[in-house]
Amino acid sequence: MKTDPPKKGMEYLDNICNDPRLNVWHISLLLAIARLAYRQNESKIIRVSRSKLMAMSHINTTPTYHKYFKELQNYGYIKCIPSYHPRYRSTVELLQQ
């Protein structure tokens, strides 16, 4: 049986909206990651940069970005594989909830 991608996406958004631990900044970061995934035509592993995610999620300070990004990792929504090389982007894996 095939899964319907729009339905799966809506279920994912429902799970996010029903999680009382998440606030507007968490959701904004997740939506920015989802937008990058769509642009890269990826469903699981997304290449990201901090500056791009901050701009897309409208987060203006680096400490705020790091706080909510780390919480998303701790809550099990994403897994980040950092790249310490300036020419290679870090990758983020969207985990199933």
C-alpha atoms as a PDB file:
ATOM      1  CA  MET A   1       0.000   0.000   0.000  1.00  0.00           C
ATOM      2  CA  LYS A   2       1.407   3.378  -1.029  1.00  0.00           C
ATOM      3  CA  THR A   3       1.455   6.305   1.365  1.00  0.00           C
ATOM      4  CA  ASP A   4      -0.002   9.626   0.311  1.00  0.00           C
ATOM      5  CA  PRO A   5       2.766  12.297   0.714  1.00  0.00           C
ATOM      6  CA  PRO A   6       0.392  15.241   1.380  1.00  0.00           C
ATOM      7  CA  LYS A   7      -1.476  13.191   3.978  1.00  0.00           C
ATOM      8  CA  LYS A   8       1.790  12.122   5.604  1.00  0.00           C
ATOM      9  CA  GLY A   9       2.923  15.757   5.678  1.00  0.00           C
ATOM     10  CA  MET A  10      -0.291  16.873   7.326  1.00  0.00           C
ATOM     11  CA  GLU A  11      -0.004  14.128   9.946  1.00  0.00           C
ATOM     12  CA  TYR A  12       3.550  15.296  10.675  1.00  0.00           C
ATOM     13  CA  LEU A  13       2.331  18.888  11.080  1.00  0.00           C
ATOM     14  CA  ASP A  14      -0.499  17.719  13.352  1.00  0.00           C
ATOM     15  CA  ASN A  15       2.031  15.919  15.557  1.00  0.00           C
ATOM     16  CA  ILE A  16       4.171  19.042  15.743  1.00  0.00           C
ATOM     17  CA  CYS A  17       1.227  21.284  16.613  1.00  0.00           C
ATOM     18  CA  ASN A  18       0.008  18.889  19.305  1.00  0.00           C
ATOM     19  CA  ASP A  19       3.379  18.671  21.092  1.00  0.00           C
ATOM     20  CA  PRO A  20       3.149  20.998  24.130  1.00  0.00           C
ATOM     21  CA  ARG A  21       6.965  21.253  24.371  1.00  0.00           C
ATOM     22  CA  LEU A  22       7.219  23.130  21.063  1.00  0.00           C
ATOM     23  CA  ASN A  23       6.754  26.851  20.635  1.00  0.00           C
ATOM     24  CA  VAL A  24       6.703  29.148  17.631  1.00  0.00           C
ATOM     25  CA  TRP A  25      10.509  29.100  17.229  1.00  0.00           C
ATOM     26  CA  HIS A  26      10.678  25.304  17.125  1.00  0.00           C
ATOM     27  CA  ILE A  27       7.906  25.193  14.530  1.00  0.00           C
ATOM     28  CA  SER A  28       9.527  27.957  12.508  1.00  0.00           C
ATOM     29  CA  LEU A  29      12.823  26.036  12.381  1.00  0.00           C
ATOM     30  CA  LEU A  30      11.070  22.806  11.391  1.00  0.00           C
ATOM     31  CA  LEU A  31       9.214  24.602   8.606  1.00  0.00           C
ATOM     32  CA  ALA A  32      12.467  26.157   7.371  1.00  0.00           C
ATOM     33  CA  ILE A  33      14.048  22.690   7.275  1.00  0.00           C
ATOM     34  CA  ALA A  34      10.988  21.343   5.445  1.00  0.00           C
ATOM     35  CA  ARG A  35      11.226  24.182   2.893  1.00  0.00           C
ATOM     36  CA  LEU A  36      14.884  23.357   2.242  1.00  0.00           C
ATOM     37  CA  ALA A  37      13.985  19.681   1.868  1.00  0.00           C
ATOM     38  CA  TYR A  38      11.352  20.600  -0.711  1.00  0.00           C
ATOM     39  CA  ARG A  39      13.796  22.845  -2.611  1.00  0.00           C
ATOM     40  CA  GLN A  40      16.429  20.097  -2.623  1.00  0.00           C
ATOM     41  CA  ASN A  41      13.840  17.460  -3.568  1.00  0.00           C
ATOM     42  CA  GLU A  42      14.831  15.425  -0.516  1.00  0.00           C
ATOM     43  CA  SER A  43      12.608  13.668   1.974  1.00  0.00           C
ATOM     44  CA  LYS A  44      15.066  12.633   4.668  1.00  0.00           C
ATOM     45  CA  ILE A  45      18.605  14.101   4.515  1.00  0.00           C
ATOM     46  CA  ILE A  46      18.762  17.877   3.986  1.00  0.00           C
ATOM     47  CA  ARG A  47      21.882  20.008   3.512  1.00  0.00           C
ATOM     48  CA  VAL A  48      21.611  23.113   5.689  1.00  0.00           C
ATOM     49  CA  SER A  49      23.520  26.183   6.743  1.00  0.00           C
ATOM     50  CA  ARG A  50      22.916  28.117   9.918  1.00  0.00           C
ATOM     51  CA  SER A  51      22.613  31.452   8.144  1.00  0.00           C
ATOM     52  CA  LYS A  52      20.020  30.146   5.690  1.00  0.00           C
ATOM     53  CA  LEU A  53      17.949  28.479   8.427  1.00  0.00           C
ATOM     54  CA  MET A  54      18.085  31.620  10.550  1.00  0.00           C
ATOM     55  CA  ALA A  55      16.903  33.772   7.650  1.00  0.00           C
ATOM     56  CA  MET A  56      14.132  31.372   6.640  1.00  0.00           C
ATOM     57  CA  SER A  57      12.856  30.946  10.205  1.00  0.00           C
ATOM     58  CA  HIS A  58      13.150  34.678  11.058  1.00  0.00           C
ATOM     59  CA  ILE A  59      15.425  34.002  14.024  1.00  0.00           C
ATOM     60  CA  ASN A  60      17.780  36.956  14.412  1.00  0.00           C
ATOM     61  CA  THR A  61      20.216  35.875  17.122  1.00  0.00           C
ATOM     62  CA  THR A  62      22.637  32.969  17.076  1.00  0.00           C
ATOM     63  CA  PRO A  63      22.054  31.926  20.725  1.00  0.00           C
ATOM     64  CA  THR A  64      18.302  31.695  20.104  1.00  0.00           C
ATOM     65  CA  TYR A  65      18.891  29.598  16.989  1.00  0.00           C
ATOM     66  CA  HIS A  66      21.236  27.216  18.792  1.00  0.00           C
ATOM     67  CA  LYS A  67      18.889  26.862  21.760  1.00  0.00           C
ATOM     68  CA  TYR A  68      15.864  25.806  19.716  1.00  0.00           C
ATOM     69  CA  PHE A  69      17.863  23.754  17.216  1.00  0.00           C
ATOM     70  CA  LYS A  70      19.408  21.766  20.082  1.00  0.00           C
ATOM     71  CA  GLU A  71      15.979  21.271  21.700  1.00  0.00           C
ATOM     72  CA  LEU A  72      14.613  19.869  18.427  1.00  0.00           C
ATOM     73  CA  GLN A  73      17.452  17.352  18.488  1.00  0.00           C
ATOM     74  CA  ASN A  74      16.789  16.480  22.137  1.00  0.00           C
ATOM     75  CA  TYR A  75      13.047  16.048  21.480  1.00  0.00           C
ATOM     76  CA  GLY A  76      13.780  13.621  18.637  1.00  0.00           C
ATOM     77  CA  TYR A  77      12.507  15.684  15.713  1.00  0.00           C
ATOM     78  CA  ILE A  78      15.832  16.059  13.908  1.00  0.00           C
ATOM     79  CA  LYS A  79      19.313  14.578  13.845  1.00  0.00           C
ATOM     80  CA  CYS A  80      22.133  16.888  12.844  1.00  0.00           C
ATOM     81  CA  ILE A  81      25.438  15.751  11.377  1.00  0.00           C
ATOM     82  CA  PRO A  82      27.683  18.821  11.553  1.00  0.00           C
ATOM     83  CA  SER A  83      30.306  19.625   8.982  1.00  0.00           C
ATOM     84  CA  TYR A  84      33.309  21.516  10.256  1.00  0.00           C
ATOM     85  CA  HIS A  85      34.604  22.158   6.755  1.00  0.00           C
ATOM     86  CA  PRO A  86      33.719  25.633   5.419  1.00  0.00           C
ATOM     87  CA  ARG A  87      32.872  24.325   1.944  1.00  0.00           C
ATOM     88  CA  TYR A  88      30.571  21.499   3.025  1.00  0.00           C
ATOM     89  CA  ARG A  89      27.187  22.027   4.581  1.00  0.00           C
ATOM     90  CA  SER A  90      25.936  20.198   7.622  1.00  0.00           C
ATOM     91  CA  THR A  91      23.126  17.729   7.121  1.00  0.00           C
ATOM     92  CA  VAL A  92      19.890  17.389   9.026  1.00  0.00           C
ATOM     93  CA  GLU A  93      17.814  14.229   9.073  1.00  0.00           C
ATOM     94  CA  LEU A  94      14.106  14.568   9.745  1.00  0.00           C
ATOM     95  CA  LEU A  95      13.128  11.830  12.154  1.00  0.00           C
ATOM     96  CA  GLN A  96       9.682  10.291  12.135  1.00  0.00           C
ATOM     97  CA  GLN A  97       7.379  11.272  14.976  1.00  0.00           C
END
